[in-house]
Amino acid sequence: MIDLYTWSTPNGRKVSIMLEEVGLPYTVHPIDITKGEQFDPSFLKISPNNRIPAIVDRDTGLSLFESGAILMYLAEKTGKLWPKEGEAHWRTVEWLMWQMGGVGPMFGQVHHFVKFNKGKAPYAEERYTKEALRLYGVLDKRLAEVEYMAGEYSIADIATWPWVSRFEWQGVDLHQFPNVLRWYRAIADRPAVQRGYHVPVQQPSIPMP
């Protein structure tokens, strides 16, 4: 049994989707970041950086924060969605790190400056929007060569897809990136993704271009 501490954000959805994909039982503990619950001392003991998501594995007593680390842990625990050796193993790591170091931080800045604070910092809006579009281009080029980011469906896709699902927040028309669009729709059709997307709070629907 996994205790999942999360909220309805791209990083949070990575882990709920992963748990649904690998079929591990889990208990959800909502951490409402709009109310500052991530700063509660009890949560700080699990997540020293005061960020969701975090997990506690009741089987081992291990607690983990940072979404990428959690994905790797769950993949290793179950033997699913992360090839164990060879090029496929490192391609998965490569694209997972690309998401963690690029897509997450840069798309998050677009959300901050363009969606929530539009007009306050034109330079920042232009800078981060351009970088987000560049990253979409990188992903589109990669997905012209392979079905999924590391070849087969993996934790790299699970890490990236929730951020792309906020394309409307980023002002991005996915039709401009046809390979990303194909990939996005294929993942959105997965039952585990449809279940995990609505954790911990039911949403109207998965955004579709």
N, C-alpha and C. Protein backbone atom coordinates (compact mmCIF):
# COMPACT_ATOMS: atom_id res chain seq x y z
N MET A 1 0.83 -1.19 0.00
CA MET A 1 0.00 0.00 0.00
C MET A 1 0.88 1.25 0.00
N ILE A 2 0.53 2.19 -0.86
CA ILE A 2 1.25 3.45 -0.96
C ILE A 2 0.37 4.57 -0.43
N ASP A 3 0.90 5.42 0.43
CA ASP A 3 0.23 6.65 0.81
C ASP A 3 0.71 7.75 -0.14
N LEU A 4 -0.24 8.35 -0.85
CA LEU A 4 0.08 9.39 -1.83
C LEU A 4 -0.41 10.74 -1.32
N TYR A 5 0.51 11.66 -1.20
CA TYR A 5 0.21 13.03 -0.79
C TYR A 5 0.31 13.89 -2.04
N THR A 6 -0.80 14.48 -2.44
CA THR A 6 -0.82 15.09 -3.77
C THR A 6 -1.90 16.15 -3.90
N TRP A 7 -1.84 16.84 -5.04
CA TRP A 7 -2.88 17.80 -5.41
C TRP A 7 -3.01 17.76 -6.94
N SER A 8 -4.02 18.47 -7.46
CA SER A 8 -4.33 18.39 -8.90
C SER A 8 -3.43 19.31 -9.71
N THR A 9 -2.16 18.93 -9.82
CA THR A 9 -1.17 19.65 -10.60
C THR A 9 -0.48 18.66 -11.54
N PRO A 10 0.25 19.15 -12.54
CA PRO A 10 0.98 18.21 -13.40
C PRO A 10 1.91 17.28 -12.63
N ASN A 11 2.65 17.81 -11.68
CA ASN A 11 3.57 16.95 -10.93
C ASN A 11 2.81 15.94 -10.09
N GLY A 12 1.71 16.35 -9.50
CA GLY A 12 0.91 15.42 -8.74
C GLY A 12 0.33 14.32 -9.60
N ARG A 13 -0.13 14.68 -10.78
CA ARG A 13 -0.77 13.69 -11.66
C ARG A 13 0.22 12.66 -12.18
N LYS A 14 1.48 13.02 -12.27
CA LYS A 14 2.47 12.02 -12.67
C LYS A 14 2.35 10.76 -11.82
N VAL A 15 2.27 10.95 -10.51
CA VAL A 15 2.34 9.82 -9.60
C VAL A 15 1.01 9.08 -9.53
N SER A 16 -0.10 9.78 -9.53
CA SER A 16 -1.39 9.08 -9.52
C SER A 16 -1.59 8.28 -10.81
N ILE A 17 -1.16 8.83 -11.94
CA ILE A 17 -1.23 8.06 -13.19
C ILE A 17 -0.32 6.84 -13.12
N MET A 18 0.89 7.02 -12.61
CA MET A 18 1.81 5.89 -12.48
C MET A 18 1.24 4.80 -11.60
N LEU A 19 0.67 5.17 -10.48
CA LEU A 19 0.09 4.18 -9.57
C LEU A 19 -1.05 3.43 -10.24
N GLU A 20 -1.84 4.12 -11.03
CA GLU A 20 -2.92 3.46 -11.76
C GLU A 20 -2.36 2.53 -12.83
N GLU A 21 -1.31 2.96 -13.50
CA GLU A 21 -0.72 2.15 -14.57
C GLU A 21 -0.13 0.84 -14.03
N VAL A 22 0.54 0.91 -12.90
CA VAL A 22 1.22 -0.29 -12.39
C VAL A 22 0.33 -1.11 -11.47
N GLY A 23 -0.83 -0.57 -11.11
CA GLY A 23 -1.80 -1.34 -10.35
C GLY A 23 -1.49 -1.49 -8.87
N LEU A 24 -0.69 -0.60 -8.31
CA LEU A 24 -0.42 -0.65 -6.88
C LEU A 24 -1.57 -0.01 -6.11
N PRO A 25 -2.02 -0.64 -5.04
CA PRO A 25 -3.06 0.01 -4.21
C PRO A 25 -2.48 1.23 -3.51
N TYR A 26 -3.30 2.27 -3.39
CA TYR A 26 -2.80 3.48 -2.74
C TYR A 26 -3.95 4.23 -2.07
N THR A 27 -3.57 4.97 -1.05
CA THR A 27 -4.49 5.84 -0.33
C THR A 27 -4.10 7.28 -0.62
N VAL A 28 -5.08 8.09 -0.98
CA VAL A 28 -4.82 9.48 -1.34
C VAL A 28 -4.99 10.38 -0.12
N HIS A 29 -4.00 11.24 0.08
CA HIS A 29 -4.06 12.27 1.10
C HIS A 29 -3.96 13.62 0.39
N PRO A 30 -5.09 14.30 0.15
CA PRO A 30 -5.03 15.58 -0.56
C PRO A 30 -4.26 16.63 0.25
N ILE A 31 -3.38 17.33 -0.44
CA ILE A 31 -2.64 18.45 0.14
C ILE A 31 -3.03 19.68 -0.68
N ASP A 32 -3.97 20.45 -0.15
CA ASP A 32 -4.53 21.58 -0.90
C ASP A 32 -3.53 22.73 -0.88
N ILE A 33 -2.81 22.87 -1.98
CA ILE A 33 -1.78 23.91 -2.03
C ILE A 33 -2.38 25.30 -2.13
N THR A 34 -3.65 25.42 -2.49
CA THR A 34 -4.30 26.73 -2.51
C THR A 34 -4.57 27.24 -1.10
N LYS A 35 -4.52 26.35 -0.12
CA LYS A 35 -4.72 26.71 1.28
C LYS A 35 -3.42 26.64 2.09
N GLY A 36 -2.31 26.41 1.41
CA GLY A 36 -1.02 26.36 2.10
C GLY A 36 -0.78 25.11 2.89
N GLU A 37 -1.52 24.03 2.60
CA GLU A 37 -1.37 22.81 3.38
C GLU A 37 0.00 22.15 3.19
N GLN A 38 0.71 22.53 2.12
CA GLN A 38 2.04 21.96 1.89
C GLN A 38 3.06 22.45 2.91
N PHE A 39 2.68 23.47 3.70
CA PHE A 39 3.59 23.99 4.72
C PHE A 39 3.28 23.45 6.11
N ASP A 40 2.35 22.53 6.19
CA ASP A 40 2.03 21.91 7.47
C ASP A 40 3.23 21.12 7.97
N PRO A 41 3.58 21.24 9.24
CA PRO A 41 4.76 20.53 9.77
C PRO A 41 4.71 19.02 9.55
N SER A 42 3.53 18.44 9.60
CA SER A 42 3.43 16.99 9.41
C SER A 42 3.80 16.60 7.97
N PHE A 43 3.46 17.46 7.01
CA PHE A 43 3.82 17.19 5.61
C PHE A 43 5.31 17.44 5.40
N LEU A 44 5.85 18.43 6.10
CA LEU A 44 7.27 18.73 5.98
C LEU A 44 8.13 17.54 6.34
N LYS A 45 7.67 16.69 7.24
CA LYS A 45 8.44 15.51 7.63
C LYS A 45 8.57 14.52 6.47
N ILE A 46 7.58 14.54 5.57
CA ILE A 46 7.58 13.64 4.42
C ILE A 46 8.23 14.30 3.22
N SER A 47 7.97 15.59 3.05
CA SER A 47 8.48 16.33 1.90
C SER A 47 9.23 17.57 2.39
N PRO A 48 10.54 17.48 2.62
CA PRO A 48 11.30 18.59 3.18
C PRO A 48 11.28 19.85 2.33
N ASN A 49 10.94 19.72 1.04
CA ASN A 49 10.91 20.88 0.15
C ASN A 49 9.52 21.52 0.09
N ASN A 50 8.58 21.03 0.91
CA ASN A 50 7.22 21.57 0.95
C ASN A 50 6.54 21.57 -0.41
N ARG A 51 6.75 20.51 -1.18
CA ARG A 51 6.13 20.39 -2.50
C ARG A 51 5.47 19.03 -2.63
N ILE A 52 4.35 19.03 -3.35
CA ILE A 52 3.75 17.74 -3.71
C ILE A 52 4.31 17.34 -5.06
N PRO A 53 4.28 16.03 -5.37
CA PRO A 53 3.76 14.92 -4.60
C PRO A 53 4.83 14.34 -3.68
N ALA A 54 4.35 13.49 -2.77
CA ALA A 54 5.24 12.69 -1.94
C ALA A 54 4.52 11.37 -1.66
N ILE A 55 5.29 10.36 -1.35
CA ILE A 55 4.69 9.06 -1.02
C ILE A 55 5.34 8.48 0.22
N VAL A 56 4.61 7.57 0.85
CA VAL A 56 5.16 6.69 1.87
C VAL A 56 4.77 5.27 1.46
N ASP A 57 5.78 4.42 1.33
CA ASP A 57 5.55 3.01 1.00
C ASP A 57 5.38 2.26 2.31
N ARG A 58 4.17 1.82 2.60
CA ARG A 58 3.91 1.14 3.87
C ARG A 58 4.63 -0.20 3.95
N ASP A 59 4.97 -0.79 2.80
CA ASP A 59 5.69 -2.06 2.81
C ASP A 59 7.08 -1.92 3.39
N THR A 60 7.70 -0.78 3.13
CA THR A 60 9.11 -0.59 3.52
C THR A 60 9.29 0.53 4.53
N GLY A 61 8.30 1.41 4.67
CA GLY A 61 8.43 2.57 5.53
C GLY A 61 9.17 3.72 4.87
N LEU A 62 9.57 3.54 3.61
CA LEU A 62 10.32 4.58 2.91
C LEU A 62 9.40 5.71 2.47
N SER A 63 9.82 6.94 2.70
CA SER A 63 9.11 8.10 2.17
C SER A 63 9.97 8.76 1.11
N LEU A 64 9.31 9.30 0.10
CA LEU A 64 10.01 9.95 -1.01
C LEU A 64 9.27 11.20 -1.44
N PHE A 65 10.03 12.24 -1.76
CA PHE A 65 9.47 13.39 -2.46
C PHE A 65 10.21 13.53 -3.78
N GLU A 66 9.78 14.48 -4.61
CA GLU A 66 10.25 14.70 -5.98
C GLU A 66 9.63 13.68 -6.93
N SER A 67 8.83 14.19 -7.84
CA SER A 67 8.03 13.33 -8.72
C SER A 67 8.87 12.39 -9.57
N GLY A 68 10.00 12.85 -10.09
CA GLY A 68 10.83 11.98 -10.92
C GLY A 68 11.39 10.81 -10.13
N ALA A 69 11.85 11.10 -8.91
CA ALA A 69 12.37 10.04 -8.05
C ALA A 69 11.28 9.03 -7.71
N ILE A 70 10.06 9.53 -7.48
CA ILE A 70 8.95 8.64 -7.15
C ILE A 70 8.62 7.74 -8.33
N LEU A 71 8.61 8.30 -9.54
CA LEU A 71 8.35 7.48 -10.72
C LEU A 71 9.39 6.37 -10.87
N MET A 72 10.64 6.70 -10.68
CA MET A 72 11.69 5.70 -10.78
C MET A 72 11.54 4.63 -9.71
N TYR A 73 11.20 5.05 -8.51
CA TYR A 73 11.02 4.10 -7.41
C TYR A 73 9.89 3.12 -7.71
N LEU A 74 8.75 3.65 -8.14
CA LEU A 74 7.59 2.79 -8.41
C LEU A 74 7.85 1.86 -9.60
N ALA A 75 8.59 2.37 -10.60
CA ALA A 75 8.93 1.53 -11.74
C ALA A 75 9.86 0.39 -11.31
N GLU A 76 10.82 0.71 -10.47
CA GLU A 76 11.75 -0.33 -10.00
C GLU A 76 11.04 -1.31 -9.07
N LYS A 77 10.15 -0.82 -8.25
CA LYS A 77 9.42 -1.67 -7.31
C LYS A 77 8.57 -2.70 -8.04
N THR A 78 7.95 -2.28 -9.15
CA THR A 78 7.01 -3.14 -9.86
C THR A 78 7.62 -3.80 -11.09
N GLY A 79 8.78 -3.33 -11.55
CA GLY A 79 9.37 -3.86 -12.77
C GLY A 79 8.62 -3.44 -14.02
N LYS A 80 7.92 -2.31 -13.96
CA LYS A 80 7.10 -1.86 -15.08
C LYS A 80 7.48 -0.45 -15.52
N LEU A 81 7.37 -0.21 -16.82
CA LEU A 81 7.44 1.12 -17.43
C LEU A 81 8.83 1.77 -17.35
N TRP A 82 9.85 0.95 -17.09
CA TRP A 82 11.23 1.42 -17.15
C TRP A 82 12.11 0.23 -17.47
N PRO A 83 12.54 0.10 -18.73
CA PRO A 83 13.39 -1.03 -19.09
C PRO A 83 14.60 -1.12 -18.16
N LYS A 84 14.99 -2.32 -17.83
CA LYS A 84 16.01 -2.52 -16.80
C LYS A 84 17.44 -2.35 -17.29
N GLU A 85 17.65 -2.46 -18.59
CA GLU A 85 19.03 -2.40 -19.07
C GLU A 85 19.08 -1.93 -20.50
N GLY A 86 20.31 -1.70 -20.96
CA GLY A 86 20.55 -1.37 -22.36
C GLY A 86 20.15 0.05 -22.71
N GLU A 87 20.12 0.31 -24.00
CA GLU A 87 19.80 1.65 -24.49
C GLU A 87 18.44 2.12 -24.02
N ALA A 88 17.45 1.23 -24.03
CA ALA A 88 16.09 1.62 -23.64
C ALA A 88 16.05 2.16 -22.21
N HIS A 89 16.87 1.57 -21.33
CA HIS A 89 16.94 2.04 -19.95
C HIS A 89 17.40 3.49 -19.91
N TRP A 90 18.49 3.78 -20.64
CA TRP A 90 19.07 5.12 -20.57
C TRP A 90 18.30 6.12 -21.40
N ARG A 91 17.63 5.69 -22.46
CA ARG A 91 16.75 6.61 -23.20
C ARG A 91 15.61 7.08 -22.29
N THR A 92 15.11 6.17 -21.48
CA THR A 92 14.05 6.55 -20.55
C THR A 92 14.55 7.56 -19.54
N VAL A 93 15.73 7.32 -18.98
CA VAL A 93 16.31 8.27 -18.03
C VAL A 93 16.56 9.61 -18.71
N GLU A 94 17.09 9.56 -19.91
CA GLU A 94 17.41 10.77 -20.67
C GLU A 94 16.18 11.67 -20.82
N TRP A 95 15.08 11.09 -21.28
CA TRP A 95 13.88 11.88 -21.53
C TRP A 95 13.15 12.24 -20.25
N LEU A 96 13.27 11.42 -19.23
CA LEU A 96 12.73 11.80 -17.92
C LEU A 96 13.47 13.02 -17.39
N MET A 97 14.79 13.05 -17.49
CA MET A 97 15.57 14.19 -17.03
C MET A 97 15.27 15.43 -17.88
N TRP A 98 14.99 15.23 -19.16
CA TRP A 98 14.60 16.35 -20.02
C TRP A 98 13.32 16.99 -19.50
N GLN A 99 12.39 16.17 -19.09
CA GLN A 99 11.16 16.72 -18.53
C GLN A 99 11.44 17.44 -17.22
N MET A 100 12.19 16.82 -16.34
CA MET A 100 12.42 17.39 -15.02
C MET A 100 13.20 18.70 -15.10
N GLY A 101 14.16 18.77 -16.02
CA GLY A 101 15.00 19.95 -16.11
C GLY A 101 14.51 21.01 -17.06
N GLY A 102 13.62 20.63 -17.98
CA GLY A 102 13.16 21.57 -19.00
C GLY A 102 11.67 21.82 -18.97
N VAL A 103 10.91 20.81 -19.33
CA VAL A 103 9.46 20.99 -19.49
C VAL A 103 8.81 21.49 -18.19
N GLY A 104 9.07 20.83 -17.08
CA GLY A 104 8.42 21.23 -15.84
C GLY A 104 8.73 22.66 -15.43
N PRO A 105 10.00 23.01 -15.27
CA PRO A 105 10.32 24.38 -14.87
C PRO A 105 9.89 25.45 -15.87
N MET A 106 10.09 25.20 -17.16
CA MET A 106 9.78 26.22 -18.16
C MET A 106 8.28 26.39 -18.37
N PHE A 107 7.56 25.28 -18.46
CA PHE A 107 6.11 25.39 -18.60
C PHE A 107 5.51 26.03 -17.35
N GLY A 108 6.08 25.70 -16.20
CA GLY A 108 5.60 26.31 -14.96
C GLY A 108 5.78 27.82 -14.96
N GLN A 109 6.87 28.31 -15.52
CA GLN A 109 7.08 29.75 -15.63
C GLN A 109 6.07 30.39 -16.58
N VAL A 110 5.73 29.68 -17.65
CA VAL A 110 4.69 30.20 -18.56
C VAL A 110 3.37 30.32 -17.80
N HIS A 111 3.02 29.33 -17.02
CA HIS A 111 1.79 29.39 -16.25
C HIS A 111 1.81 30.61 -15.33
N HIS A 112 2.94 30.83 -14.67
CA HIS A 112 3.04 31.92 -13.70
C HIS A 112 2.91 33.29 -14.38
N PHE A 113 3.67 33.49 -15.45
CA PHE A 113 3.73 34.81 -16.05
C PHE A 113 2.63 35.07 -17.07
N VAL A 114 2.25 34.05 -17.83
CA VAL A 114 1.30 34.25 -18.93
C VAL A 114 -0.14 34.04 -18.49
N LYS A 115 -0.38 32.97 -17.74
CA LYS A 115 -1.77 32.71 -17.32
C LYS A 115 -2.17 33.54 -16.11
N PHE A 116 -1.33 33.56 -15.08
CA PHE A 116 -1.74 34.16 -13.81
C PHE A 116 -1.30 35.61 -13.62
N ASN A 117 -0.30 36.06 -14.36
CA ASN A 117 0.20 37.43 -14.17
C ASN A 117 0.44 38.12 -15.51
N LYS A 118 -0.46 37.91 -16.42
CA LYS A 118 -0.28 38.45 -17.78
C LYS A 118 -0.19 39.98 -17.76
N GLY A 119 0.78 40.48 -18.52
CA GLY A 119 0.96 41.92 -18.65
C GLY A 119 1.87 42.54 -17.61
N LYS A 120 2.26 41.78 -16.59
CA LYS A 120 3.10 42.33 -15.54
C LYS A 120 4.58 42.28 -15.87
N ALA A 121 4.98 41.32 -16.70
CA ALA A 121 6.40 41.15 -17.02
C ALA A 121 6.53 40.68 -18.47
N PRO A 122 6.39 41.60 -19.44
CA PRO A 122 6.42 41.21 -20.86
C PRO A 122 7.68 40.45 -21.26
N TYR A 123 8.82 40.85 -20.70
CA TYR A 123 10.07 40.15 -21.05
C TYR A 123 9.99 38.69 -20.62
N ALA A 124 9.51 38.44 -19.40
CA ALA A 124 9.41 37.07 -18.90
C ALA A 124 8.40 36.29 -19.72
N GLU A 125 7.28 36.91 -20.07
CA GLU A 125 6.27 36.23 -20.88
C GLU A 125 6.88 35.77 -22.21
N GLU A 126 7.61 36.68 -22.86
CA GLU A 126 8.20 36.33 -24.15
C GLU A 126 9.27 35.26 -24.00
N ARG A 127 10.11 35.40 -23.00
CA ARG A 127 11.21 34.47 -22.79
C ARG A 127 10.71 33.05 -22.56
N TYR A 128 9.78 32.89 -21.64
CA TYR A 128 9.34 31.54 -21.28
C TYR A 128 8.39 30.94 -22.30
N THR A 129 7.63 31.78 -22.98
CA THR A 129 6.78 31.27 -24.06
C THR A 129 7.64 30.73 -25.19
N LYS A 130 8.68 31.45 -25.56
CA LYS A 130 9.59 31.00 -26.61
C LYS A 130 10.26 29.68 -26.23
N GLU A 131 10.67 29.59 -24.98
CA GLU A 131 11.33 28.36 -24.55
C GLU A 131 10.35 27.19 -24.52
N ALA A 132 9.12 27.44 -24.10
CA ALA A 132 8.12 26.38 -24.11
C ALA A 132 7.88 25.89 -25.53
N LEU A 133 7.77 26.80 -26.47
CA LEU A 133 7.55 26.41 -27.87
C LEU A 133 8.76 25.65 -28.41
N ARG A 134 9.96 26.05 -27.99
CA ARG A 134 11.15 25.32 -28.42
C ARG A 134 11.09 23.87 -27.91
N LEU A 135 10.69 23.71 -26.65
CA LEU A 135 10.60 22.37 -26.08
C LEU A 135 9.52 21.54 -26.76
N TYR A 136 8.40 22.16 -27.09
CA TYR A 136 7.39 21.45 -27.88
C TYR A 136 7.98 20.98 -29.21
N GLY A 137 8.81 21.81 -29.81
CA GLY A 137 9.45 21.43 -31.07
C GLY A 137 10.39 20.26 -30.92
N VAL A 138 11.14 20.24 -29.81
CA VAL A 138 12.03 19.12 -29.54
C VAL A 138 11.23 17.82 -29.39
N LEU A 139 10.14 17.91 -28.64
CA LEU A 139 9.30 16.73 -28.43
C LEU A 139 8.65 16.28 -29.73
N ASP A 140 8.20 17.22 -30.52
CA ASP A 140 7.55 16.87 -31.78
C ASP A 140 8.53 16.16 -32.72
N LYS A 141 9.76 16.64 -32.76
CA LYS A 141 10.77 16.00 -33.59
C LYS A 141 11.07 14.59 -33.11
N ARG A 142 11.17 14.42 -31.80
CA ARG A 142 11.43 13.09 -31.24
C ARG A 142 10.29 12.14 -31.57
N LEU A 143 9.06 12.61 -31.44
CA LEU A 143 7.90 11.75 -31.65
C LEU A 143 7.59 11.51 -33.12
N ALA A 144 8.32 12.19 -34.00
CA ALA A 144 8.25 11.85 -35.42
C ALA A 144 9.05 10.58 -35.70
N GLU A 145 9.96 10.24 -34.77
CA GLU A 145 10.84 9.09 -34.96
C GLU A 145 10.38 7.85 -34.20
N VAL A 146 9.67 8.05 -33.09
CA VAL A 146 9.27 6.95 -32.21
C VAL A 146 7.83 7.16 -31.77
N GLU A 147 7.20 6.07 -31.34
CA GLU A 147 5.81 6.17 -30.90
C GLU A 147 5.69 6.90 -29.58
N TYR A 148 6.60 6.56 -28.66
CA TYR A 148 6.64 7.21 -27.35
C TYR A 148 8.04 7.75 -27.11
N MET A 149 8.21 8.53 -26.07
CA MET A 149 9.43 9.32 -25.93
C MET A 149 10.70 8.48 -25.87
N ALA A 150 10.65 7.35 -25.20
CA ALA A 150 11.83 6.48 -25.10
C ALA A 150 11.69 5.25 -25.98
N GLY A 151 10.74 5.29 -26.91
CA GLY A 151 10.47 4.15 -27.78
C GLY A 151 9.17 3.49 -27.42
N GLU A 152 9.13 2.85 -26.23
CA GLU A 152 7.91 2.29 -25.69
C GLU A 152 7.38 3.19 -24.58
N TYR A 153 6.11 3.07 -24.30
CA TYR A 153 5.46 3.85 -23.24
C TYR A 153 6.20 3.62 -21.93
N SER A 154 6.53 4.72 -21.23
CA SER A 154 7.39 4.62 -20.05
C SER A 154 7.14 5.76 -19.09
N ILE A 155 7.92 5.76 -18.02
CA ILE A 155 7.82 6.84 -17.05
C ILE A 155 8.19 8.20 -17.65
N ALA A 156 8.92 8.21 -18.75
CA ALA A 156 9.21 9.49 -19.41
C ALA A 156 7.94 10.12 -19.95
N ASP A 157 7.08 9.31 -20.55
CA ASP A 157 5.80 9.82 -21.05
C ASP A 157 4.89 10.24 -19.90
N ILE A 158 4.87 9.43 -18.84
CA ILE A 158 4.01 9.73 -17.70
C ILE A 158 4.44 11.04 -17.04
N ALA A 159 5.73 11.33 -17.05
CA ALA A 159 6.23 12.58 -16.47
C ALA A 159 5.87 13.79 -17.32
N THR A 160 5.85 13.63 -18.63
CA THR A 160 5.69 14.77 -19.54
C THR A 160 4.24 15.06 -19.86
N TRP A 161 3.44 14.03 -20.04
CA TRP A 161 2.07 14.22 -20.51
C TRP A 161 1.25 15.18 -19.64
N PRO A 162 1.31 15.10 -18.30
CA PRO A 162 0.49 16.02 -17.50
C PRO A 162 0.82 17.49 -17.73
N TRP A 163 2.08 17.78 -18.04
CA TRP A 163 2.44 19.17 -18.34
C TRP A 163 1.88 19.59 -19.70
N VAL A 164 1.91 18.70 -20.66
CA VAL A 164 1.34 19.02 -21.98
C VAL A 164 -0.17 19.16 -21.88
N SER A 165 -0.79 18.48 -20.92
CA SER A 165 -2.24 18.57 -20.78
C SER A 165 -2.71 19.97 -20.39
N ARG A 166 -1.77 20.83 -20.04
CA ARG A 166 -2.11 22.23 -19.76
C ARG A 166 -1.69 23.13 -20.93
N PHE A 167 -1.79 22.59 -22.13
CA PHE A 167 -1.43 23.37 -23.32
C PHE A 167 -2.23 24.66 -23.43
N GLU A 168 -3.47 24.64 -22.95
CA GLU A 168 -4.29 25.86 -23.01
C GLU A 168 -3.72 26.95 -22.12
N TRP A 169 -3.20 26.57 -20.95
CA TRP A 169 -2.57 27.54 -20.06
C TRP A 169 -1.35 28.17 -20.72
N GLN A 170 -0.71 27.40 -21.60
CA GLN A 170 0.52 27.85 -22.25
C GLN A 170 0.24 28.60 -23.56
N GLY A 171 -1.03 28.65 -23.95
CA GLY A 171 -1.40 29.31 -25.20
C GLY A 171 -0.89 28.57 -26.41
N VAL A 172 -0.77 27.24 -26.32
CA VAL A 172 -0.19 26.43 -27.39
C VAL A 172 -1.30 25.70 -28.15
N ASP A 173 -1.24 25.78 -29.46
CA ASP A 173 -2.12 25.02 -30.34
C ASP A 173 -1.41 23.72 -30.69
N LEU A 174 -1.87 22.61 -30.14
CA LEU A 174 -1.19 21.34 -30.38
C LEU A 174 -1.24 20.92 -31.85
N HIS A 175 -2.15 21.47 -32.61
CA HIS A 175 -2.19 21.14 -34.04
C HIS A 175 -0.93 21.62 -34.77
N GLN A 176 -0.21 22.55 -34.15
CA GLN A 176 1.07 22.99 -34.73
C GLN A 176 2.17 21.96 -34.51
N PHE A 177 1.90 20.98 -33.65
CA PHE A 177 2.87 19.93 -33.34
C PHE A 177 2.17 18.58 -33.52
N PRO A 178 2.02 18.14 -34.75
CA PRO A 178 1.16 16.98 -35.04
C PRO A 178 1.62 15.69 -34.36
N ASN A 179 2.91 15.52 -34.18
CA ASN A 179 3.39 14.30 -33.53
C ASN A 179 3.10 14.32 -32.03
N VAL A 180 3.23 15.50 -31.44
CA VAL A 180 2.84 15.65 -30.03
C VAL A 180 1.35 15.41 -29.88
N LEU A 181 0.58 15.93 -30.81
CA LEU A 181 -0.88 15.76 -30.76
C LEU A 181 -1.26 14.29 -30.83
N ARG A 182 -0.65 13.54 -31.71
CA ARG A 182 -0.93 12.10 -31.82
C ARG A 182 -0.59 11.40 -30.52
N TRP A 183 0.58 11.69 -29.98
CA TRP A 183 1.04 11.11 -28.71
C TRP A 183 0.12 11.50 -27.57
N TYR A 184 -0.26 12.76 -27.50
CA TYR A 184 -1.10 13.26 -26.42
C TYR A 184 -2.45 12.54 -26.41
N ARG A 185 -3.05 12.40 -27.56
CA ARG A 185 -4.36 11.75 -27.64
C ARG A 185 -4.27 10.26 -27.29
N ALA A 186 -3.20 9.61 -27.73
CA ALA A 186 -3.03 8.19 -27.43
C ALA A 186 -2.92 7.96 -25.93
N ILE A 187 -2.18 8.81 -25.25
CA ILE A 187 -2.02 8.65 -23.80
C ILE A 187 -3.31 9.01 -23.08
N ALA A 188 -3.99 10.05 -23.54
CA ALA A 188 -5.25 10.45 -22.93
C ALA A 188 -6.31 9.35 -23.01
N ASP A 189 -6.18 8.47 -23.99
CA ASP A 189 -7.14 7.37 -24.15
C ASP A 189 -6.89 6.21 -23.19
N ARG A 190 -5.76 6.21 -22.50
CA ARG A 190 -5.44 5.10 -21.62
C ARG A 190 -6.32 5.16 -20.36
N PRO A 191 -6.97 4.05 -20.00
CA PRO A 191 -7.84 4.06 -18.82
C PRO A 191 -7.13 4.49 -17.54
N ALA A 192 -5.88 4.06 -17.36
CA ALA A 192 -5.14 4.43 -16.16
C ALA A 192 -4.91 5.94 -16.10
N VAL A 193 -4.65 6.53 -17.24
CA VAL A 193 -4.45 7.98 -17.31
C VAL A 193 -5.75 8.69 -16.98
N GLN A 194 -6.84 8.20 -17.51
CA GLN A 194 -8.13 8.81 -17.24
C GLN A 194 -8.49 8.75 -15.76
N ARG A 195 -8.11 7.67 -15.10
CA ARG A 195 -8.37 7.57 -13.66
C ARG A 195 -7.41 8.46 -12.87
N GLY A 196 -6.14 8.38 -13.19
CA GLY A 196 -5.14 9.13 -12.43
C GLY A 196 -5.25 10.62 -12.59
N TYR A 197 -5.78 11.07 -13.72
CA TYR A 197 -5.91 12.51 -13.96
C TYR A 197 -6.82 13.16 -12.93
N HIS A 198 -7.79 12.44 -12.43
CA HIS A 198 -8.81 13.01 -11.54
C HIS A 198 -8.49 12.81 -10.06
N VAL A 199 -7.23 12.55 -9.74
CA VAL A 199 -6.78 12.41 -8.35
C VAL A 199 -6.04 13.67 -7.96
N PRO A 200 -6.35 14.27 -6.81
CA PRO A 200 -7.32 13.84 -5.81
C PRO A 200 -8.70 14.45 -5.99
N VAL A 201 -8.84 15.40 -6.95
CA VAL A 201 -10.10 16.12 -7.13
C VAL A 201 -10.62 15.85 -8.53
N GLN A 202 -11.88 15.47 -8.62
CA GLN A 202 -12.51 15.22 -9.93
C GLN A 202 -12.49 16.50 -10.76
N GLN A 203 -12.04 16.36 -12.01
CA GLN A 203 -11.97 17.48 -12.93
C GLN A 203 -13.09 17.38 -13.96
N PRO A 204 -13.44 18.48 -14.63
CA PRO A 204 -14.50 18.38 -15.65
C PRO A 204 -14.19 17.34 -16.71
N SER A 205 -12.97 17.40 -17.28
CA SER A 205 -12.55 16.43 -18.29
C SER A 205 -11.10 16.68 -18.63
N ILE A 206 -10.48 15.70 -19.28
CA ILE A 206 -9.13 15.91 -19.79
C ILE A 206 -9.21 16.88 -20.97
N PRO A 207 -8.42 17.95 -20.96
CA PRO A 207 -8.47 18.89 -22.09
C PRO A 207 -8.08 18.21 -23.39
N MET A 208 -8.89 18.45 -24.41
CA MET A 208 -8.60 17.88 -25.73
C MET A 208 -8.55 18.99 -26.77
N PRO A 209 -7.52 18.95 -27.63
CA PRO A 209 -7.40 19.98 -28.67
C PRO A 209 -8.56 19.91 -29.66
